[in-house]
Amino acid sequence: AGGLVGSVWFIAREHTQAEYRWIALFGSGHRENM
């Protein structure tokens, strides 16, 4: 459980950063375009 909590924290963090990169690159800076 500890390994899952620690790992999922960073996986979710990187996925969120990927979403922000998508918004910046392809979504004209607007979340609703993603």
PDB file of all heavy atoms in Angstrom:
ATOM      1  N   ALA A   1       0.838  -1.208   0.000  1.00  0.00           N
ATOM      2  CA  ALA A   1       0.000   0.000   0.000  1.00  0.00           C
ATOM      3  C   ALA A   1       0.867   1.250   0.000  1.00  0.00           C
ATOM      4  O   ALA A   1       0.580   2.223  -0.712  1.00  0.00           O
ATOM      5  CB  ALA A   1      -0.933  -0.006   1.210  1.00  0.00           C
ATOM      6  N   GLY A   2       1.934   1.248   0.781  1.00  0.00           N
ATOM      7  CA  GLY A   2       2.834   2.397   0.811  1.00  0.00           C
ATOM      8  C   GLY A   2       3.493   2.644  -0.528  1.00  0.00           C
ATOM      9  O   GLY A   2       3.618   3.780  -0.974  1.00  0.00           O
ATOM     10  N   GLY A   3       3.907   1.558  -1.189  1.00  0.00           N
ATOM     11  CA  GLY A   3       4.503   1.700  -2.509  1.00  0.00           C
ATOM     12  C   GLY A   3       3.507   2.216  -3.530  1.00  0.00           C
ATOM     13  O   GLY A   3       3.845   3.046  -4.381  1.00  0.00           O
ATOM     14  N   LEU A   4       2.268   1.755  -3.428  1.00  0.00           N
ATOM     15  CA  LEU A   4       1.235   2.238  -4.340  1.00  0.00           C
ATOM     16  C   LEU A   4       0.938   3.716  -4.126  1.00  0.00           C
ATOM     17  O   LEU A   4       0.848   4.483  -5.088  1.00  0.00           O
ATOM     18  CB  LEU A   4      -0.049   1.417  -4.167  1.00  0.00           C
ATOM     19  CG  LEU A   4      -0.026   0.024  -4.758  1.00  0.00           C
ATOM     20  CD1 LEU A   4      -1.266  -0.758  -4.343  1.00  0.00           C
ATOM     21  CD2 LEU A   4       0.099   0.075  -6.261  1.00  0.00           C
ATOM     22  N   VAL A   5       0.795   4.116  -2.872  1.00  0.00           N
ATOM     23  CA  VAL A   5       0.513   5.529  -2.582  1.00  0.00           C
ATOM     24  C   VAL A   5       1.656   6.411  -3.086  1.00  0.00           C
ATOM     25  O   VAL A   5       1.434   7.417  -3.761  1.00  0.00           O
ATOM     26  CB  VAL A   5       0.280   5.745  -1.071  1.00  0.00           C
ATOM     27  CG1 VAL A   5       0.256   7.225  -0.722  1.00  0.00           C
ATOM     28  CG2 VAL A   5      -1.014   5.089  -0.636  1.00  0.00           C
ATOM     29  N   GLY A   6       2.886   6.030  -2.762  1.00  0.00           N
ATOM     30  CA  GLY A   6       4.039   6.820  -3.194  1.00  0.00           C
ATOM     31  C   GLY A   6       4.189   6.878  -4.697  1.00  0.00           C
ATOM     32  O   GLY A   6       4.506   7.926  -5.263  1.00  0.00           O
ATOM     33  N   SER A   7       3.936   5.775  -5.375  1.00  0.00           N
ATOM     34  CA  SER A   7       4.096   5.726  -6.828  1.00  0.00           C
ATOM     35  C   SER A   7       2.976   6.451  -7.560  1.00  0.00           C
ATOM     36  O   SER A   7       3.224   7.221  -8.494  1.00  0.00           O
ATOM     37  CB  SER A   7       4.146   4.268  -7.296  1.00  0.00           C
ATOM     38  OG  SER A   7       5.275   3.622  -6.763  1.00  0.00           O
ATOM     39  N   VAL A   8       1.741   6.212  -7.139  1.00  0.00           N
ATOM     40  CA  VAL A   8       0.603   6.821  -7.818  1.00  0.00           C
ATOM     41  C   VAL A   8       0.641   8.337  -7.685  1.00  0.00           C
ATOM     42  O   VAL A   8       0.221   9.059  -8.589  1.00  0.00           O
ATOM     43  CB  VAL A   8      -0.726   6.220  -7.295  1.00  0.00           C
ATOM     44  CG1 VAL A   8      -1.925   7.014  -7.768  1.00  0.00           C
ATOM     45  CG2 VAL A   8      -0.840   4.776  -7.745  1.00  0.00           C
ATOM     46  N   TRP A   9       1.175   8.828  -6.590  1.00  0.00           N
ATOM     47  CA  TRP A   9       1.302  10.275  -6.405  1.00  0.00           C
ATOM     48  C   TRP A   9       2.088  10.885  -7.575  1.00  0.00           C
ATOM     49  O   TRP A   9       1.663  11.875  -8.167  1.00  0.00           O
ATOM     50  CB  TRP A   9       2.007  10.571  -5.084  1.00  0.00           C
ATOM     51  CG  TRP A   9       2.202  12.022  -4.817  1.00  0.00           C
ATOM     52  CD1 TRP A   9       3.194  12.829  -5.295  1.00  0.00           C
ATOM     53  CD2 TRP A   9       1.363  12.858  -4.049  1.00  0.00           C
ATOM     54  NE1 TRP A   9       3.031  14.101  -4.839  1.00  0.00           N
ATOM     55  CE2 TRP A   9       1.909  14.154  -4.063  1.00  0.00           C
ATOM     56  CE3 TRP A   9       0.203  12.628  -3.309  1.00  0.00           C
ATOM     57  CZ2 TRP A   9       1.331  15.212  -3.392  1.00  0.00           C
ATOM     58  CZ3 TRP A   9      -0.353  13.684  -2.636  1.00  0.00           C
ATOM     59  CH2 TRP A   9       0.203  14.963  -2.695  1.00  0.00           C
ATOM     60  N   PHE A  10       3.221  10.293  -7.908  1.00  0.00           N
ATOM     61  CA  PHE A  10       4.067  10.851  -8.965  1.00  0.00           C
ATOM     62  C   PHE A  10       3.533  10.537 -10.362  1.00  0.00           C
ATOM     63  O   PHE A  10       3.724  11.327 -11.289  1.00  0.00           O
ATOM     64  CB  PHE A  10       5.509  10.389  -8.795  1.00  0.00           C
ATOM     65  CG  PHE A  10       6.148  11.033  -7.602  1.00  0.00           C
ATOM     66  CD1 PHE A  10       6.368  10.319  -6.439  1.00  0.00           C
ATOM     67  CD2 PHE A  10       6.474  12.375  -7.624  1.00  0.00           C
ATOM     68  CE1 PHE A  10       6.920  10.928  -5.329  1.00  0.00           C
ATOM     69  CE2 PHE A  10       7.024  12.999  -6.517  1.00  0.00           C
ATOM     70  CZ  PHE A  10       7.247  12.270  -5.369  1.00  0.00           C
ATOM     71  N   ILE A  11       2.871   9.403 -10.529  1.00  0.00           N
ATOM     72  CA  ILE A  11       2.254   9.105 -11.818  1.00  0.00           C
ATOM     73  C   ILE A  11       1.157  10.127 -12.108  1.00  0.00           C
ATOM     74  O   ILE A  11       1.071  10.671 -13.218  1.00  0.00           O
ATOM     75  CB  ILE A  11       1.710   7.664 -11.839  1.00  0.00           C
ATOM     76  CG1 ILE A  11       2.884   6.668 -11.790  1.00  0.00           C
ATOM     77  CG2 ILE A  11       0.838   7.425 -13.060  1.00  0.00           C
ATOM     78  CD1 ILE A  11       2.478   5.236 -11.541  1.00  0.00           C
ATOM     79  N   ALA A  12       0.328  10.417 -11.108  1.00  0.00           N
ATOM     80  CA  ALA A  12      -0.733  11.409 -11.281  1.00  0.00           C
ATOM     81  C   ALA A  12      -0.150  12.795 -11.543  1.00  0.00           C
ATOM     82  O   ALA A  12      -0.665  13.555 -12.370  1.00  0.00           O
ATOM     83  CB  ALA A  12      -1.635  11.434 -10.053  1.00  0.00           C
ATOM     84  N   ARG A  13       0.925  13.115 -10.867  1.00  0.00           N
ATOM     85  CA  ARG A  13       1.584  14.415 -11.054  1.00  0.00           C
ATOM     86  C   ARG A  13       2.073  14.563 -12.495  1.00  0.00           C
ATOM     87  O   ARG A  13       1.879  15.608 -13.127  1.00  0.00           O
ATOM     88  CB  ARG A  13       2.744  14.544 -10.072  1.00  0.00           C
ATOM     89  CG  ARG A  13       3.527  15.814 -10.190  1.00  0.00           C
ATOM     90  CD  ARG A  13       4.688  15.788  -9.178  1.00  0.00           C
ATOM     91  NE  ARG A  13       5.435  17.009  -9.228  1.00  0.00           N
ATOM     92  CZ  ARG A  13       6.440  17.248 -10.067  1.00  0.00           C
ATOM     93  NH1 ARG A  13       6.803  16.326 -10.930  1.00  0.00           N
ATOM     94  NH2 ARG A  13       7.083  18.391 -10.040  1.00  0.00           N
ATOM     95  N   GLU A  14       2.714  13.534 -13.022  1.00  0.00           N
ATOM     96  CA  GLU A  14       3.225  13.603 -14.393  1.00  0.00           C
ATOM     97  C   GLU A  14       2.099  13.645 -15.412  1.00  0.00           C
ATOM     98  O   GLU A  14       2.208  14.326 -16.429  1.00  0.00           O
ATOM     99  CB  GLU A  14       4.159  12.428 -14.674  1.00  0.00           C
ATOM    100  CG  GLU A  14       5.462  12.504 -13.924  1.00  0.00           C
ATOM    101  CD  GLU A  14       6.198  13.808 -14.155  1.00  0.00           C
ATOM    102  OE1 GLU A  14       6.279  14.277 -15.306  1.00  0.00           O
ATOM    103  OE2 GLU A  14       6.696  14.370 -13.159  1.00  0.00           O
ATOM    104  N   HIS A  15       1.019  12.934 -15.142  1.00  0.00           N
ATOM    105  CA  HIS A  15      -0.119  12.982 -16.058  1.00  0.00           C
ATOM    106  C   HIS A  15      -0.720  14.385 -16.088  1.00  0.00           C
ATOM    107  O   HIS A  15      -1.060  14.902 -17.153  1.00  0.00           O
ATOM    108  CB  HIS A  15      -1.172  11.951 -15.652  1.00  0.00           C
ATOM    109  CG  HIS A  15      -2.321  11.915 -16.585  1.00  0.00           C
ATOM    110  ND1 HIS A  15      -3.468  12.640 -16.375  1.00  0.00           N
ATOM    111  CD2 HIS A  15      -2.489  11.264 -17.762  1.00  0.00           C
ATOM    112  CE1 HIS A  15      -4.299  12.424 -17.377  1.00  0.00           C
ATOM    113  NE2 HIS A  15      -3.733  11.596 -18.229  1.00  0.00           N
ATOM    114  N   THR A  16      -0.824  15.002 -14.922  1.00  0.00           N
ATOM    115  CA  THR A  16      -1.341  16.376 -14.853  1.00  0.00           C
ATOM    116  C   THR A  16      -0.438  17.332 -15.626  1.00  0.00           C
ATOM    117  O   THR A  16      -0.921  18.207 -16.361  1.00  0.00           O
ATOM    118  CB  THR A  16      -1.464  16.828 -13.394  1.00  0.00           C
ATOM    119  OG1 THR A  16      -2.330  15.919 -12.709  1.00  0.00           O
ATOM    120  CG2 THR A  16      -2.006  18.233 -13.286  1.00  0.00           C
ATOM    121  N   GLN A  17       0.867  17.168 -15.496  1.00  0.00           N
ATOM    122  CA  GLN A  17       1.784  18.022 -16.240  1.00  0.00           C
ATOM    123  C   GLN A  17       1.654  17.786 -17.748  1.00  0.00           C
ATOM    124  O   GLN A  17       1.762  18.730 -18.537  1.00  0.00           O
ATOM    125  CB  GLN A  17       3.222  17.792 -15.779  1.00  0.00           C
ATOM    126  CG  GLN A  17       3.470  18.355 -14.402  1.00  0.00           C
ATOM    127  CD  GLN A  17       4.909  18.188 -13.958  1.00  0.00           C
ATOM    128  OE1 GLN A  17       5.686  17.437 -14.553  1.00  0.00           O
ATOM    129  NE2 GLN A  17       5.271  18.895 -12.909  1.00  0.00           N
ATOM    130  N   ALA A  18       1.409  16.538 -18.146  1.00  0.00           N
ATOM    131  CA  ALA A  18       1.185  16.248 -19.570  1.00  0.00           C
ATOM    132  C   ALA A  18      -0.078  16.949 -20.067  1.00  0.00           C
ATOM    133  O   ALA A  18      -0.109  17.468 -21.187  1.00  0.00           O
ATOM    134  CB  ALA A  18       1.094  14.745 -19.797  1.00  0.00           C
ATOM    135  N   GLU A  19      -1.101  16.996 -19.239  1.00  0.00           N
ATOM    136  CA  GLU A  19      -2.316  17.719 -19.624  1.00  0.00           C
ATOM    137  C   GLU A  19      -2.021  19.203 -19.832  1.00  0.00           C
ATOM    138  O   GLU A  19      -2.494  19.804 -20.796  1.00  0.00           O
ATOM    139  CB  GLU A  19      -3.401  17.554 -18.555  1.00  0.00           C
ATOM    140  CG  GLU A  19      -3.992  16.175 -18.511  1.00  0.00           C
ATOM    141  CD  GLU A  19      -5.045  16.024 -17.444  1.00  0.00           C
ATOM    142  OE1 GLU A  19      -5.025  16.769 -16.442  1.00  0.00           O
ATOM    143  OE2 GLU A  19      -5.904  15.152 -17.606  1.00  0.00           O
ATOM    144  N   TYR A  20      -1.255  19.792 -18.936  1.00  0.00           N
ATOM    145  CA  TYR A  20      -0.904  21.208 -19.089  1.00  0.00           C
ATOM    146  C   TYR A  20      -0.074  21.447 -20.348  1.00  0.00           C
ATOM    147  O   TYR A  20      -0.242  22.460 -21.029  1.00  0.00           O
ATOM    148  CB  TYR A  20      -0.174  21.737 -17.851  1.00  0.00           C
ATOM    149  CG  TYR A  20      -1.097  22.017 -16.706  1.00  0.00           C
ATOM    150  CD1 TYR A  20      -1.006  21.303 -15.524  1.00  0.00           C
ATOM    151  CD2 TYR A  20      -2.077  23.003 -16.800  1.00  0.00           C
ATOM    152  CE1 TYR A  20      -1.853  21.564 -14.462  1.00  0.00           C
ATOM    153  CE2 TYR A  20      -2.937  23.269 -15.755  1.00  0.00           C
ATOM    154  CZ  TYR A  20      -2.823  22.548 -14.588  1.00  0.00           C
ATOM    155  OH  TYR A  20      -3.675  22.809 -13.545  1.00  0.00           O
ATOM    156  N   ARG A  21       0.824  20.506 -20.663  1.00  0.00           N
ATOM    157  CA  ARG A  21       1.597  20.647 -21.900  1.00  0.00           C
ATOM    158  C   ARG A  21       0.686  20.554 -23.114  1.00  0.00           C
ATOM    159  O   ARG A  21       0.843  21.305 -24.074  1.00  0.00           O
ATOM    160  CB  ARG A  21       2.699  19.581 -21.970  1.00  0.00           C
ATOM    161  CG  ARG A  21       3.870  19.852 -21.051  1.00  0.00           C
ATOM    162  CD  ARG A  21       5.047  18.931 -21.339  1.00  0.00           C
ATOM    163  NE  ARG A  21       4.749  17.538 -21.094  1.00  0.00           N
ATOM    164  CZ  ARG A  21       4.903  16.929 -19.919  1.00  0.00           C
ATOM    165  NH1 ARG A  21       5.353  17.602 -18.876  1.00  0.00           N
ATOM    166  NH2 ARG A  21       4.620  15.648 -19.793  1.00  0.00           N
ATOM    167  N   TRP A  22      -0.306  19.653 -23.080  1.00  0.00           N
ATOM    168  CA  TRP A  22      -1.239  19.531 -24.185  1.00  0.00           C
ATOM    169  C   TRP A  22      -2.016  20.832 -24.365  1.00  0.00           C
ATOM    170  O   TRP A  22      -2.171  21.325 -25.475  1.00  0.00           O
ATOM    171  CB  TRP A  22      -2.219  18.370 -23.952  1.00  0.00           C
ATOM    172  CG  TRP A  22      -2.965  18.020 -25.196  1.00  0.00           C
ATOM    173  CD1 TRP A  22      -2.669  17.007 -26.055  1.00  0.00           C
ATOM    174  CD2 TRP A  22      -4.097  18.695 -25.752  1.00  0.00           C
ATOM    175  NE1 TRP A  22      -3.549  17.007 -27.104  1.00  0.00           N
ATOM    176  CE2 TRP A  22      -4.444  18.040 -26.946  1.00  0.00           C
ATOM    177  CE3 TRP A  22      -4.849  19.794 -25.367  1.00  0.00           C
ATOM    178  CZ2 TRP A  22      -5.503  18.434 -27.747  1.00  0.00           C
ATOM    179  CZ3 TRP A  22      -5.905  20.202 -26.164  1.00  0.00           C
ATOM    180  CH2 TRP A  22      -6.227  19.522 -27.339  1.00  0.00           C
ATOM    181  N   ILE A  23      -2.489  21.388 -23.256  1.00  0.00           N
ATOM    182  CA  ILE A  23      -3.247  22.641 -23.307  1.00  0.00           C
ATOM    183  C   ILE A  23      -2.391  23.751 -23.908  1.00  0.00           C
ATOM    184  O   ILE A  23      -2.858  24.520 -24.758  1.00  0.00           O
ATOM    185  CB  ILE A  23      -3.745  23.023 -21.901  1.00  0.00           C
ATOM    186  CG1 ILE A  23      -4.817  22.030 -21.434  1.00  0.00           C
ATOM    187  CG2 ILE A  23      -4.286  24.452 -21.880  1.00  0.00           C
ATOM    188  CD1 ILE A  23      -5.133  22.117 -19.947  1.00  0.00           C
ATOM    189  N   ALA A  24      -1.142  23.830 -23.499  1.00  0.00           N
ATOM    190  CA  ALA A  24      -0.255  24.879 -24.018  1.00  0.00           C
ATOM    191  C   ALA A  24       0.067  24.684 -25.495  1.00  0.00           C
ATOM    192  O   ALA A  24       0.112  25.656 -26.256  1.00  0.00           O
ATOM    193  CB  ALA A  24       1.035  24.910 -23.206  1.00  0.00           C
ATOM    194  N   LEU A  25       0.275  23.434 -25.915  1.00  0.00           N
ATOM    195  CA  LEU A  25       0.696  23.165 -27.289  1.00  0.00           C
ATOM    196  C   LEU A  25      -0.459  23.095 -28.286  1.00  0.00           C
ATOM    197  O   LEU A  25      -0.325  23.546 -29.425  1.00  0.00           O
ATOM    198  CB  LEU A  25       1.488  21.849 -27.347  1.00  0.00           C
ATOM    199  CG  LEU A  25       2.837  21.847 -26.647  1.00  0.00           C
ATOM    200  CD1 LEU A  25       3.405  20.433 -26.588  1.00  0.00           C
ATOM    201  CD2 LEU A  25       3.803  22.784 -27.354  1.00  0.00           C
ATOM    202  N   PHE A  26      -1.563  22.507 -27.879  1.00  0.00           N
ATOM    203  CA  PHE A  26      -2.633  22.220 -28.832  1.00  0.00           C
ATOM    204  C   PHE A  26      -3.983  22.829 -28.474  1.00  0.00           C
ATOM    205  O   PHE A  26      -4.877  22.830 -29.299  1.00  0.00           O
ATOM    206  CB  PHE A  26      -2.813  20.704 -28.987  1.00  0.00           C
ATOM    207  CG  PHE A  26      -1.539  19.983 -29.293  1.00  0.00           C
ATOM    208  CD1 PHE A  26      -0.978  19.126 -28.370  1.00  0.00           C
ATOM    209  CD2 PHE A  26      -0.897  20.158 -30.504  1.00  0.00           C
ATOM    210  CE1 PHE A  26       0.207  18.459 -28.644  1.00  0.00           C
ATOM    211  CE2 PHE A  26       0.285  19.499 -30.789  1.00  0.00           C
ATOM    212  CZ  PHE A  26       0.832  18.647 -29.856  1.00  0.00           C
ATOM    213  N   GLY A  27      -4.124  23.310 -27.265  1.00  0.00           N
ATOM    214  CA  GLY A  27      -5.423  23.794 -26.817  1.00  0.00           C
ATOM    215  C   GLY A  27      -5.554  25.294 -26.721  1.00  0.00           C
ATOM    216  O   GLY A  27      -6.455  25.794 -26.062  1.00  0.00           O
ATOM    217  N   SER A  28      -4.649  26.015 -27.341  1.00  0.00           N
ATOM    218  CA  SER A  28      -4.672  27.488 -27.332  1.00  0.00           C
ATOM    219  C   SER A  28      -4.690  28.051 -25.911  1.00  0.00           C
ATOM    220  O   SER A  28      -5.257  29.113 -25.664  1.00  0.00           O
ATOM    221  CB  SER A  28      -5.882  28.014 -28.110  1.00  0.00           C
ATOM    222  OG  SER A  28      -5.862  27.550 -29.435  1.00  0.00           O
ATOM    223  N   GLY A  29      -4.117  27.298 -24.975  1.00  0.00           N
ATOM    224  CA  GLY A  29      -4.037  27.771 -23.596  1.00  0.00           C
ATOM    225  C   GLY A  29      -5.323  27.644 -22.806  1.00  0.00           C
ATOM    226  O   GLY A  29      -5.409  28.137 -21.687  1.00  0.00           O
ATOM    227  N   HIS A  30      -6.320  26.960 -23.354  1.00  0.00           N
ATOM    228  CA  HIS A  30      -7.611  26.835 -22.682  1.00  0.00           C
ATOM    229  C   HIS A  30      -7.918  25.374 -22.366  1.00  0.00           C
ATOM    230  O   HIS A  30      -7.944  24.528 -23.256  1.00  0.00           O
ATOM    231  CB  HIS A  30      -8.738  27.407 -23.551  1.00  0.00           C
ATOM    232  CG  HIS A  30      -8.571  28.854 -23.844  1.00  0.00           C
ATOM    233  ND1 HIS A  30      -8.832  29.834 -22.928  1.00  0.00           N
ATOM    234  CD2 HIS A  30      -8.139  29.488 -24.958  1.00  0.00           C
ATOM    235  CE1 HIS A  30      -8.584  31.015 -23.457  1.00  0.00           C
ATOM    236  NE2 HIS A  30      -8.149  30.830 -24.704  1.00  0.00           N
ATOM    237  N   ARG A  31      -8.179  25.111 -21.107  1.00  0.00           N
ATOM    238  CA  ARG A  31      -8.459  23.750 -20.655  1.00  0.00           C
ATOM    239  C   ARG A  31      -9.667  23.145 -21.370  1.00  0.00           C
ATOM    240  O   ARG A  31      -9.690  21.947 -21.667  1.00  0.00           O
ATOM    241  CB  ARG A  31      -8.682  23.743 -19.146  1.00  0.00           C
ATOM    242  CG  ARG A  31      -9.003  22.375 -18.586  1.00  0.00           C
ATOM    243  CD  ARG A  31      -9.169  22.402 -17.086  1.00  0.00           C
ATOM    244  NE  ARG A  31      -7.919  22.598 -16.402  1.00  0.00           N
ATOM    245  CZ  ARG A  31      -7.029  21.642 -16.169  1.00  0.00           C
ATOM    246  NH1 ARG A  31      -7.241  20.437 -16.594  1.00  0.00           N
ATOM    247  NH2 ARG A  31      -5.917  21.909 -15.515  1.00  0.00           N
ATOM    248  N   GLU A  32     -10.675  23.949 -21.654  1.00  0.00           N
ATOM    249  CA  GLU A  32     -11.885  23.413 -22.278  1.00  0.00           C
ATOM    250  C   GLU A  32     -11.639  22.890 -23.696  1.00  0.00           C
ATOM    251  O   GLU A  32     -12.450  22.147 -24.227  1.00  0.00           O
ATOM    252  CB  GLU A  32     -13.022  24.453 -22.286  1.00  0.00           C
ATOM    253  CG  GLU A  32     -12.717  25.695 -23.083  1.00  0.00           C
ATOM    254  CD  GLU A  32     -12.065  26.804 -22.265  1.00  0.00           C
ATOM    255  OE1 GLU A  32     -11.682  26.569 -21.103  1.00  0.00           O
ATOM    256  OE2 GLU A  32     -11.927  27.905 -22.812  1.00  0.00           O
ATOM    257  N   ASN A  33     -10.507  23.238 -24.293  1.00  0.00           N
ATOM    258  CA  ASN A  33     -10.169  22.730 -25.625  1.00  0.00           C
ATOM    259  C   ASN A  33      -9.549  21.329 -25.588  1.00  0.00           C
ATOM    260  O   ASN A  33      -9.401  20.698 -26.627  1.00  0.00           O
ATOM    261  CB  ASN A  33      -9.210  23.680 -26.332  1.00  0.00           C
ATOM    262  CG  ASN A  33      -9.870  25.002 -26.666  1.00  0.00           C
ATOM    263  OD1 ASN A  33     -11.079  25.093 -26.767  1.00  0.00           O
ATOM    264  ND2 ASN A  33      -9.059  26.035 -26.819  1.00  0.00           N
ATOM    265  N   MET A  34      -9.188  20.859 -24.403  1.00  0.00           N
ATOM    266  CA  MET A  34      -8.516  19.570 -24.297  1.00  0.00           C
ATOM    267  C   MET A  34      -9.531  18.431 -24.278  1.00  0.00           C
ATOM    268  O   MET A  34     -10.476  18.450 -23.502  1.00  0.00           O
ATOM    269  CB  MET A  34      -7.670  19.498 -23.026  1.00  0.00           C
ATOM    270  CG  MET A  34      -6.867  18.218 -22.926  1.00  0.00           C
ATOM    271  SD  MET A  34      -5.906  18.086 -21.415  1.00  0.00           S
ATOM    272  CE  MET A  34      -7.178  17.831 -20.218  1.00  0.00           C
TER     273      MET A  34
END
